[in-house]
Amino acid sequence: MDTVGIRDESIRLGQLLKLHGVADNGTIAKELIFAGEVRVNGEVETRRGRTIVPGDTVEAAGVTFSVSRD
């Protein structure tokens, strides 16, 4: 499983998808999220602004990764 490091204590889901590279831009991130194709900690998440914190696990576009603090 991949790990994505963030500088702050949290990050918004849409930003995280772009940071990881699952989404090339905000429009693609929004489409993935609103289509129900993103899971946070095993549950479908449809809020682009969902706050993600270190320790959370995200699944999108066939990729699973965890979030850690840099």
PDB file of N, CA and C in Angstrom:
ATOM      1  N   MET A   1       0.846  -1.177   0.000  1.00  0.00           N
ATOM      2  CA  MET A   1       0.000   0.000   0.000  1.00  0.00           C
ATOM      3  C   MET A   1       0.889   1.236   0.000  1.00  0.00           C
ATOM      4  N   ASP A   2       0.532   2.191  -0.839  1.00  0.00           N
ATOM      5  CA  ASP A   2       1.249   3.462  -0.898  1.00  0.00           C
ATOM      6  C   ASP A   2       0.956   4.297   0.339  1.00  0.00           C
ATOM      7  N   THR A   3       1.850   5.229   0.608  1.00  0.00           N
ATOM      8  CA  THR A   3       1.637   6.199   1.679  1.00  0.00           C
ATOM      9  C   THR A   3       1.876   7.586   1.107  1.00  0.00           C
ATOM     10  N   VAL A   4       0.966   8.506   1.430  1.00  0.00           N
ATOM     11  CA  VAL A   4       1.102   9.890   1.004  1.00  0.00           C
ATOM     12  C   VAL A   4       1.356  10.726   2.248  1.00  0.00           C
ATOM     13  N   GLY A   5       2.438  11.495   2.238  1.00  0.00           N
ATOM     14  CA  GLY A   5       2.759  12.363   3.364  1.00  0.00           C
ATOM     15  C   GLY A   5       2.179  13.752   3.161  1.00  0.00           C
ATOM     16  N   ILE A   6       1.606  14.299   4.228  1.00  0.00           N
ATOM     17  CA  ILE A   6       1.083  15.662   4.171  1.00  0.00           C
ATOM     18  C   ILE A   6       1.820  16.519   5.187  1.00  0.00           C
ATOM     19  N   ARG A   7       1.916  17.826   4.905  1.00  0.00           N
ATOM     20  CA  ARG A   7       2.649  18.737   5.792  1.00  0.00           C
ATOM     21  C   ARG A   7       1.813  19.186   6.982  1.00  0.00           C
ATOM     22  N   ASP A   8       0.523  19.391   6.747  1.00  0.00           N
ATOM     23  CA  ASP A   8      -0.351  19.906   7.793  1.00  0.00           C
ATOM     24  C   ASP A   8      -1.019  18.765   8.539  1.00  0.00           C
ATOM     25  N   GLU A   9      -1.877  19.128   9.495  1.00  0.00           N
ATOM     26  CA  GLU A   9      -2.563  18.109  10.292  1.00  0.00           C
ATOM     27  C   GLU A   9      -3.688  17.430   9.529  1.00  0.00           C
ATOM     28  N   SER A  10      -4.145  18.066   8.440  1.00  0.00           N
ATOM     29  CA  SER A  10      -5.214  17.481   7.638  1.00  0.00           C
ATOM     30  C   SER A  10      -5.138  18.023   6.217  1.00  0.00           C
ATOM     31  N   ILE A  11      -5.935  17.397   5.336  1.00  0.00           N
ATOM     32  CA  ILE A  11      -6.014  17.809   3.936  1.00  0.00           C
ATOM     33  C   ILE A  11      -7.410  17.458   3.449  1.00  0.00           C
ATOM     34  N   ARG A  12      -7.914  18.213   2.513  1.00  0.00           N
ATOM     35  CA  ARG A  12      -9.227  17.921   1.932  1.00  0.00           C
ATOM     36  C   ARG A  12      -9.078  16.775   0.930  1.00  0.00           C
ATOM     37  N   LEU A  13     -10.122  15.980   0.819  1.00  0.00           N
ATOM     38  CA  LEU A  13     -10.083  14.788  -0.021  1.00  0.00           C
ATOM     39  C   LEU A  13      -9.715  15.108  -1.465  1.00  0.00           C
ATOM     40  N   GLY A  14     -10.326  16.121  -2.058  1.00  0.00           N
ATOM     41  CA  GLY A  14     -10.018  16.475  -3.443  1.00  0.00           C
ATOM     42  C   GLY A  14      -8.557  16.829  -3.632  1.00  0.00           C
ATOM     43  N   GLN A  15      -7.995  17.560  -2.671  1.00  0.00           N
ATOM     44  CA  GLN A  15      -6.586  17.935  -2.748  1.00  0.00           C
ATOM     45  C   GLN A  15      -5.693  16.700  -2.629  1.00  0.00           C
ATOM     46  N   LEU A  16      -6.087  15.784  -1.766  1.00  0.00           N
ATOM     47  CA  LEU A  16      -5.301  14.568  -1.567  1.00  0.00           C
ATOM     48  C   LEU A  16      -5.250  13.723  -2.834  1.00  0.00           C
ATOM     49  N   LEU A  17      -6.368  13.611  -3.527  1.00  0.00           N
ATOM     50  CA  LEU A  17      -6.383  12.828  -4.760  1.00  0.00           C
ATOM     51  C   LEU A  17      -5.449  13.426  -5.806  1.00  0.00           C
ATOM     52  N   LYS A  18      -5.383  14.752  -5.858  1.00  0.00           N
ATOM     53  CA  LYS A  18      -4.449  15.409  -6.784  1.00  0.00           C
ATOM     54  C   LYS A  18      -3.012  15.206  -6.315  1.00  0.00           C
ATOM     55  N   LEU A  19      -2.751  15.333  -5.017  1.00  0.00           N
ATOM     56  CA  LEU A  19      -1.408  15.158  -4.473  1.00  0.00           C
ATOM     57  C   LEU A  19      -0.876  13.760  -4.774  1.00  0.00           C
ATOM     58  N   HIS A  20      -1.705  12.758  -4.592  1.00  0.00           N
ATOM     59  CA  HIS A  20      -1.283  11.384  -4.850  1.00  0.00           C
ATOM     60  C   HIS A  20      -1.083  11.122  -6.336  1.00  0.00           C
ATOM     61  N   GLY A  21      -1.853  11.802  -7.179  1.00  0.00           N
ATOM     62  CA  GLY A  21      -1.768  11.576  -8.613  1.00  0.00           C
ATOM     63  C   GLY A  21      -2.904  10.733  -9.159  1.00  0.00           C
ATOM     64  N   VAL A  22      -3.830  10.333  -8.293  1.00  0.00           N
ATOM     65  CA  VAL A  22      -5.006   9.585  -8.744  1.00  0.00           C
ATOM     66  C   VAL A  22      -5.824  10.454  -9.695  1.00  0.00           C
ATOM     67  N   ALA A  23      -5.881  11.752  -9.400  1.00  0.00           N
ATOM     68  CA  ALA A  23      -6.594  12.706 -10.251  1.00  0.00           C
ATOM     69  C   ALA A  23      -5.606  13.750 -10.754  1.00  0.00           C
ATOM     70  N   ASP A  24      -5.631  14.001 -12.051  1.00  0.00           N
ATOM     71  CA  ASP A  24      -4.722  14.988 -12.637  1.00  0.00           C
ATOM     72  C   ASP A  24      -5.096  16.415 -12.281  1.00  0.00           C
ATOM     73  N   ASN A  25      -6.390  16.634 -12.018  1.00  0.00           N
ATOM     74  CA  ASN A  25      -6.840  17.985 -11.683  1.00  0.00           C
ATOM     75  C   ASN A  25      -8.096  17.916 -10.813  1.00  0.00           C
ATOM     76  N   GLY A  26      -8.550  19.074 -10.387  1.00  0.00           N
ATOM     77  CA  GLY A  26      -9.696  19.136  -9.494  1.00  0.00           C
ATOM     78  C   GLY A  26     -10.986  18.633 -10.110  1.00  0.00           C
ATOM     79  N   THR A  27     -11.139  18.827 -11.397  1.00  0.00           N
ATOM     80  CA  THR A  27     -12.353  18.358 -12.071  1.00  0.00           C
ATOM     81  C   THR A  27     -12.437  16.836 -12.035  1.00  0.00           C
ATOM     82  N   ILE A  28     -11.333  16.186 -12.299  1.00  0.00           N
ATOM     83  CA  ILE A  28     -11.320  14.719 -12.272  1.00  0.00           C
ATOM     84  C   ILE A  28     -11.545  14.221 -10.847  1.00  0.00           C
ATOM     85  N   ALA A  29     -10.919  14.862  -9.872  1.00  0.00           N
ATOM     86  CA  ALA A  29     -11.130  14.479  -8.471  1.00  0.00           C
ATOM     87  C   ALA A  29     -12.601  14.598  -8.109  1.00  0.00           C
ATOM     88  N   LYS A  30     -13.223  15.703  -8.495  1.00  0.00           N
ATOM     89  CA  LYS A  30     -14.636  15.938  -8.211  1.00  0.00           C
ATOM     90  C   LYS A  30     -15.503  14.853  -8.845  1.00  0.00           C
ATOM     91  N   GLU A  31     -15.226  14.502 -10.093  1.00  0.00           N
ATOM     92  CA  GLU A  31     -16.003  13.474 -10.788  1.00  0.00           C
ATOM     93  C   GLU A  31     -15.881  12.114 -10.103  1.00  0.00           C
ATOM     94  N   LEU A  32     -14.659  11.742  -9.716  1.00  0.00           N
ATOM     95  CA  LEU A  32     -14.458  10.465  -9.017  1.00  0.00           C
ATOM     96  C   LEU A  32     -15.244  10.427  -7.713  1.00  0.00           C
ATOM     97  N   ILE A  33     -15.163  11.515  -6.963  1.00  0.00           N
ATOM     98  CA  ILE A  33     -15.823  11.578  -5.654  1.00  0.00           C
ATOM     99  C   ILE A  33     -17.337  11.529  -5.807  1.00  0.00           C
ATOM    100  N   PHE A  34     -17.879  12.389  -6.671  1.00  0.00           N
ATOM    101  CA  PHE A  34     -19.331  12.461  -6.834  1.00  0.00           C
ATOM    102  C   PHE A  34     -19.919  11.195  -7.449  1.00  0.00           C
ATOM    103  N   ALA A  35     -19.113  10.435  -8.183  1.00  0.00           N
ATOM    104  CA  ALA A  35     -19.572   9.180  -8.770  1.00  0.00           C
ATOM    105  C   ALA A  35     -19.566   8.037  -7.759  1.00  0.00           C
ATOM    106  N   GLY A  36     -19.085   8.302  -6.547  1.00  0.00           N
ATOM    107  CA  GLY A  36     -19.052   7.270  -5.513  1.00  0.00           C
ATOM    108  C   GLY A  36     -17.915   6.290  -5.688  1.00  0.00           C
ATOM    109  N   GLU A  37     -16.866   6.698  -6.405  1.00  0.00           N
ATOM    110  CA  GLU A  37     -15.745   5.801  -6.685  1.00  0.00           C
ATOM    111  C   GLU A  37     -14.582   5.964  -5.708  1.00  0.00           C
ATOM    112  N   VAL A  38     -14.806   6.713  -4.627  1.00  0.00           N
ATOM    113  CA  VAL A  38     -13.747   6.940  -3.635  1.00  0.00           C
ATOM    114  C   VAL A  38     -14.240   6.445  -2.282  1.00  0.00           C
ATOM    115  N   ARG A  39     -13.378   5.702  -1.610  1.00  0.00           N
ATOM    116  CA  ARG A  39     -13.691   5.219  -0.257  1.00  0.00           C
ATOM    117  C   ARG A  39     -12.673   5.778   0.725  1.00  0.00           C
ATOM    118  N   VAL A  40     -13.159   6.185   1.874  1.00  0.00           N
ATOM    119  CA  VAL A  40     -12.292   6.638   2.967  1.00  0.00           C
ATOM    120  C   VAL A  40     -12.552   5.710   4.138  1.00  0.00           C
ATOM    121  N   ASN A  41     -11.497   5.061   4.587  1.00  0.00           N
ATOM    122  CA  ASN A  41     -11.608   4.094   5.680  1.00  0.00           C
ATOM    123  C   ASN A  41     -12.695   3.055   5.409  1.00  0.00           C
ATOM    124  N   GLY A  42     -12.781   2.628   4.141  1.00  0.00           N
ATOM    125  CA  GLY A  42     -13.696   1.564   3.763  1.00  0.00           C
ATOM    126  C   GLY A  42     -15.109   1.989   3.421  1.00  0.00           C
ATOM    127  N   GLU A  43     -15.444   3.263   3.579  1.00  0.00           N
ATOM    128  CA  GLU A  43     -16.796   3.735   3.298  1.00  0.00           C
ATOM    129  C   GLU A  43     -16.800   4.713   2.129  1.00  0.00           C
ATOM    130  N   VAL A  44     -17.810   4.607   1.259  1.00  0.00           N
ATOM    131  CA  VAL A  44     -17.922   5.507   0.121  1.00  0.00           C
ATOM    132  C   VAL A  44     -18.039   6.941   0.635  1.00  0.00           C
ATOM    133  N   GLU A  45     -17.258   7.833   0.030  1.00  0.00           N
ATOM    134  CA  GLU A  45     -17.271   9.249   0.419  1.00  0.00           C
ATOM    135  C   GLU A  45     -17.622  10.092  -0.798  1.00  0.00           C
ATOM    136  N   THR A  46     -18.647  10.919  -0.679  1.00  0.00           N
ATOM    137  CA  THR A  46     -19.083  11.762  -1.795  1.00  0.00           C
ATOM    138  C   THR A  46     -18.885  13.244  -1.523  1.00  0.00           C
ATOM    139  N   ARG A  47     -18.159  13.568  -0.455  1.00  0.00           N
ATOM    140  CA  ARG A  47     -17.883  14.978  -0.136  1.00  0.00           C
ATOM    141  C   ARG A  47     -16.440  15.307  -0.510  1.00  0.00           C
ATOM    142  N   ARG A  48     -16.276  16.183  -1.481  1.00  0.00           N
ATOM    143  CA  ARG A  48     -14.944  16.572  -1.931  1.00  0.00           C
ATOM    144  C   ARG A  48     -14.161  17.263  -0.821  1.00  0.00           C
ATOM    145  N   GLY A  49     -14.846  17.960   0.056  1.00  0.00           N
ATOM    146  CA  GLY A  49     -14.202  18.695   1.133  1.00  0.00           C
ATOM    147  C   GLY A  49     -13.984  17.888   2.399  1.00  0.00           C
ATOM    148  N   ARG A  50     -14.219  16.593   2.357  1.00  0.00           N
ATOM    149  CA  ARG A  50     -14.020  15.735   3.534  1.00  0.00           C
ATOM    150  C   ARG A  50     -12.603  15.926   4.053  1.00  0.00           C
ATOM    151  N   THR A  51     -12.469  16.125   5.349  1.00  0.00           N
ATOM    152  CA  THR A  51     -11.158  16.303   5.964  1.00  0.00           C
ATOM    153  C   THR A  51     -10.503  14.942   6.158  1.00  0.00           C
ATOM    154  N   ILE A  52      -9.309  14.800   5.626  1.00  0.00           N
ATOM    155  CA  ILE A  52      -8.533  13.567   5.739  1.00  0.00           C
ATOM    156  C   ILE A  52      -7.362  13.846   6.682  1.00  0.00           C
ATOM    157  N   VAL A  53      -7.137  12.943   7.609  1.00  0.00           N
ATOM    158  CA  VAL A  53      -6.066  13.114   8.596  1.00  0.00           C
ATOM    159  C   VAL A  53      -5.109  11.925   8.522  1.00  0.00           C
ATOM    160  N   PRO A  54      -3.881  12.102   9.042  1.00  0.00           N
ATOM    161  CA  PRO A  54      -2.951  10.971   9.068  1.00  0.00           C
ATOM    162  C   PRO A  54      -3.593   9.753   9.727  1.00  0.00           C
ATOM    163  N   GLY A  55      -3.373   8.596   9.120  1.00  0.00           N
ATOM    164  CA  GLY A  55      -3.966   7.359   9.602  1.00  0.00           C
ATOM    165  C   GLY A  55      -5.161   6.915   8.771  1.00  0.00           C
ATOM    166  N   ASP A  56      -5.756   7.843   8.018  1.00  0.00           N
ATOM    167  CA  ASP A  56      -6.871   7.485   7.148  1.00  0.00           C
ATOM    168  C   ASP A  56      -6.358   6.690   5.951  1.00  0.00           C
ATOM    169  N   THR A  57      -7.225   5.824   5.426  1.00  0.00           N
ATOM    170  CA  THR A  57      -6.927   5.038   4.235  1.00  0.00           C
ATOM    171  C   THR A  57      -7.914   5.443   3.147  1.00  0.00           C
ATOM    172  N   VAL A  58      -7.406   5.662   1.942  1.00  0.00           N
ATOM    173  CA  VAL A  58      -8.233   6.098   0.825  1.00  0.00           C
ATOM    174  C   VAL A  58      -8.083   5.106  -0.328  1.00  0.00           C
ATOM    175  N   GLU A  59      -9.204   4.775  -0.953  1.00  0.00           N
ATOM    176  CA  GLU A  59      -9.216   3.914  -2.129  1.00  0.00           C
ATOM    177  C   GLU A  59      -9.851   4.697  -3.268  1.00  0.00           C
ATOM    178  N   ALA A  60      -9.173   4.761  -4.403  1.00  0.00           N
ATOM    179  CA  ALA A  60      -9.714   5.455  -5.579  1.00  0.00           C
ATOM    180  C   ALA A  60      -9.029   4.938  -6.829  1.00  0.00           C
ATOM    181  N   ALA A  61      -9.795   4.764  -7.891  1.00  0.00           N
ATOM    182  CA  ALA A  61      -9.251   4.333  -9.190  1.00  0.00           C
ATOM    183  C   ALA A  61      -8.383   3.089  -9.070  1.00  0.00           C
ATOM    184  N   GLY A  62      -8.793   2.156  -8.236  1.00  0.00           N
ATOM    185  CA  GLY A  62      -8.056   0.906  -8.094  1.00  0.00           C
ATOM    186  C   GLY A  62      -6.792   0.979  -7.272  1.00  0.00           C
ATOM    187  N   VAL A  63      -6.569   2.122  -6.623  1.00  0.00           N
ATOM    188  CA  VAL A  63      -5.369   2.334  -5.814  1.00  0.00           C
ATOM    189  C   VAL A  63      -5.783   2.553  -4.362  1.00  0.00           C
ATOM    190  N   THR A  64      -5.068   1.926  -3.444  1.00  0.00           N
ATOM    191  CA  THR A  64      -5.304   2.132  -2.020  1.00  0.00           C
ATOM    192  C   THR A  64      -4.060   2.730  -1.413  1.00  0.00           C
ATOM    193  N   PHE A  65      -4.238   3.791  -0.620  1.00  0.00           N
ATOM    194  CA  PHE A  65      -3.096   4.424   0.026  1.00  0.00           C
ATOM    195  C   PHE A  65      -3.479   4.983   1.385  1.00  0.00           C
ATOM    196  N   SER A  66      -2.487   5.099   2.238  1.00  0.00           N
ATOM    197  CA  SER A  66      -2.722   5.667   3.558  1.00  0.00           C
ATOM    198  C   SER A  66      -2.085   7.063   3.619  1.00  0.00           C
ATOM    199  N   VAL A  67      -2.501   7.814   4.623  1.00  0.00           N
ATOM    200  CA  VAL A  67      -2.018   9.184   4.786  1.00  0.00           C
ATOM    201  C   VAL A  67      -1.164   9.245   6.040  1.00  0.00           C
ATOM    202  N   SER A  68       0.003   9.898   5.916  1.00  0.00           N
ATOM    203  CA  SER A  68       0.881  10.086   7.065  1.00  0.00           C
ATOM    204  C   SER A  68       1.294  11.536   7.126  1.00  0.00           C
ATOM    205  N   ARG A  69       1.872  11.928   8.221  1.00  0.00           N
ATOM    206  CA  ARG A  69       2.338  13.312   8.393  1.00  0.00           C
ATOM    207  C   ARG A  69       3.824  13.366   8.096  1.00  0.00           C
ATOM    208  N   ASP A  70       4.229  14.280   7.218  1.00  0.00           N
ATOM    209  CA  ASP A  70       5.657  14.462   6.910  1.00  0.00           C
ATOM    210  C   ASP A  70       6.386  15.081   8.074  1.00  0.00           C
TER     211      ASP A  70
END
